Amino acid sequence: MRFVALLRGVNVGGNRKVEMKRLRSLLESLGYTNVSTYLNSGNAIFESDDGKDSISNLLHDKLEAEFGFEIPLLIKTVEEMKTIASAIPDNWKNDSTQRTDVAYLFSEIDISSSIDDLPIKRDYLDIRYISGA
């Protein structure tokens, strides 16, 4: 199965550096295949026969050992990512007049009411919930 690893809070402002070459090597050393990383984002796509929880637990520990600091991590299947992307309304876009962002949710806050707690002015934003984002 194909998975996406989303490493949170890395490579921002020169802090918490995670080199993509090292990340790729780490994933390959764990037996994951067809590994690719995306720019300097801390995101990777790979294949594994393991389950999401197993991957998440193992990778969490290995990332900390490799890079020397704890890295919050989300593991999504490619199918989950496609479902989330397909839920974005067709008229939402990124251009000079508007911006569309996706916030992927950790399981602890992956509930529809989580958007009610955001400190935002709803007059200016249209926010939608879908499981996982």
Protein backbone atom coordinates (compact mmCIF):
# COMPACT_ATOMS: atom_id res chain seq x y z
CA MET A 1 0.00 0.00 0.00
CA ARG A 2 1.15 3.56 -0.69
CA PHE A 3 1.51 5.96 2.22
CA VAL A 4 2.31 9.61 2.77
CA ALA A 5 4.39 10.69 5.76
CA LEU A 6 3.82 14.29 6.85
CA LEU A 7 6.51 15.51 9.24
CA ARG A 8 5.26 18.56 11.08
CA GLY A 9 7.31 21.59 12.10
CA VAL A 10 10.54 20.74 10.28
CA ASN A 11 12.72 22.90 8.02
CA VAL A 12 10.95 26.10 9.02
CA GLY A 13 13.07 29.20 9.56
CA GLY A 14 16.28 27.20 9.55
CA ASN A 15 15.24 25.20 12.61
CA ARG A 16 14.59 21.50 13.18
CA LYS A 17 16.44 20.53 10.02
CA VAL A 18 15.51 17.28 8.32
CA GLU A 19 17.52 16.68 5.17
CA MET A 20 15.38 14.96 2.58
CA LYS A 21 18.25 12.70 1.52
CA ARG A 22 18.58 11.43 5.11
CA LEU A 23 14.82 11.03 5.43
CA ARG A 24 14.71 8.99 2.23
CA SER A 25 17.61 6.82 3.40
CA LEU A 26 15.93 6.27 6.76
CA LEU A 27 12.67 5.18 5.14
CA GLU A 28 14.51 2.82 2.82
CA SER A 29 16.51 1.37 5.73
CA LEU A 30 13.18 0.45 7.36
CA GLY A 31 12.26 -1.61 4.31
CA TYR A 32 9.89 0.86 2.71
CA THR A 33 10.02 0.91 -1.08
CA ASN A 34 9.49 3.40 -3.91
CA VAL A 35 10.40 6.20 -1.53
CA SER A 36 10.28 9.78 -2.75
CA THR A 37 10.47 13.03 -0.83
CA TYR A 38 9.00 16.37 -1.76
CA LEU A 39 11.32 19.37 -1.92
CA ASN A 40 12.39 20.35 1.60
CA SER A 41 8.90 19.90 3.04
CA GLY A 42 9.38 16.91 5.33
CA ASN A 43 6.83 15.00 3.27
CA ALA A 44 7.48 11.59 1.75
CA ILE A 45 5.61 8.96 -0.23
CA PHE A 46 6.48 5.29 0.08
CA GLU A 47 5.10 1.78 -0.11
CA SER A 48 4.82 -0.75 2.71
CA ASP A 49 2.88 -3.85 3.66
CA ASP A 50 2.74 -2.61 7.27
CA GLY A 51 -0.29 -0.86 8.76
CA LYS A 52 -0.53 2.88 9.47
CA ASP A 53 -0.20 2.52 13.25
CA SER A 54 2.81 0.26 12.96
CA ILE A 55 4.49 2.65 10.53
CA SER A 56 3.70 5.67 12.67
CA ASN A 57 5.04 4.14 15.89
CA LEU A 58 8.23 2.85 14.31
CA LEU A 59 8.91 5.99 12.31
CA HIS A 60 8.30 8.27 15.27
CA ASP A 61 11.04 6.55 17.25
CA LYS A 62 13.45 6.25 14.31
CA LEU A 63 13.06 9.90 13.33
CA GLU A 64 13.91 11.06 16.84
CA ALA A 65 16.95 8.77 16.94
CA GLU A 66 18.13 9.93 13.51
CA PHE A 67 17.59 13.68 13.84
CA GLY A 68 17.91 14.22 17.59
CA PHE A 69 14.51 15.75 18.31
CA GLU A 70 10.90 14.62 18.42
CA ILE A 71 8.99 15.13 15.18
CA PRO A 72 5.19 15.12 15.18
CA LEU A 73 4.16 12.82 12.36
CA LEU A 74 1.02 11.97 10.39
CA ILE A 75 0.76 8.88 8.22
CA LYS A 76 -1.99 8.87 5.60
CA THR A 77 -2.73 6.40 2.86
CA VAL A 78 -2.64 7.78 -0.65
CA GLU A 79 -6.35 6.95 -0.86
CA GLU A 80 -7.06 9.08 2.23
CA MET A 81 -5.13 11.95 0.63
CA LYS A 82 -7.16 11.59 -2.58
CA THR A 83 -10.43 11.60 -0.61
CA ILE A 84 -9.41 14.79 1.19
CA ALA A 85 -8.31 16.46 -2.05
CA SER A 86 -11.54 15.52 -3.82
CA ALA A 87 -13.55 17.21 -1.04
CA ILE A 88 -12.06 20.61 -1.89
CA PRO A 89 -14.77 22.59 -3.72
CA ASP A 90 -14.01 23.21 -7.40
CA ASN A 91 -14.26 26.98 -6.95
CA TRP A 92 -11.58 27.06 -4.25
CA LYS A 93 -8.23 28.00 -5.74
CA ASN A 94 -4.97 29.75 -5.10
CA ASP A 95 -4.59 33.02 -6.96
CA SER A 96 -4.22 36.73 -6.26
CA THR A 97 -7.72 36.92 -4.73
CA GLN A 98 -7.93 33.80 -2.59
CA ARG A 99 -5.93 31.01 -1.04
CA THR A 100 -6.86 27.42 -0.28
CA ASP A 101 -5.05 25.49 2.44
CA VAL A 102 -5.51 22.05 3.94
CA ALA A 103 -4.78 21.38 7.61
CA TYR A 104 -4.29 17.67 8.21
CA LEU A 105 -5.54 16.61 11.63
CA PHE A 106 -3.96 14.41 14.26
CA SER A 107 -6.35 11.74 15.53
CA GLU A 108 -6.82 13.50 18.90
CA ILE A 109 -8.58 16.41 17.18
CA ASP A 110 -10.00 14.68 14.12
CA ILE A 111 -13.62 15.57 14.84
CA SER A 112 -15.91 17.99 13.03
CA SER A 113 -16.27 20.24 16.10
CA SER A 114 -12.53 20.95 16.06
CA ILE A 115 -13.09 23.80 13.61
CA ASP A 116 -15.36 25.50 16.16
CA ASP A 117 -12.32 26.02 18.42
CA LEU A 118 -10.22 27.84 15.83
CA PRO A 119 -9.49 31.50 16.66
CA ILE A 120 -10.52 32.89 13.27
CA LYS A 121 -12.93 35.44 11.82
CA ARG A 122 -15.46 33.35 9.95
CA ASP A 123 -16.66 36.45 8.09
CA TYR A 124 -13.61 36.12 5.87
CA LEU A 125 -13.03 32.36 5.74
CA ASP A 126 -14.91 29.33 4.54
CA ILE A 127 -13.76 26.31 6.52
CA ARG A 128 -14.88 22.75 5.88
CA TYR A 129 -14.24 19.54 7.79
CA ILE A 130 -13.64 16.13 6.28
CA SER A 131 -12.30 13.18 8.24
CA GLY A 132 -8.53 13.70 8.43
CA ALA A 133 -8.50 17.42 7.51
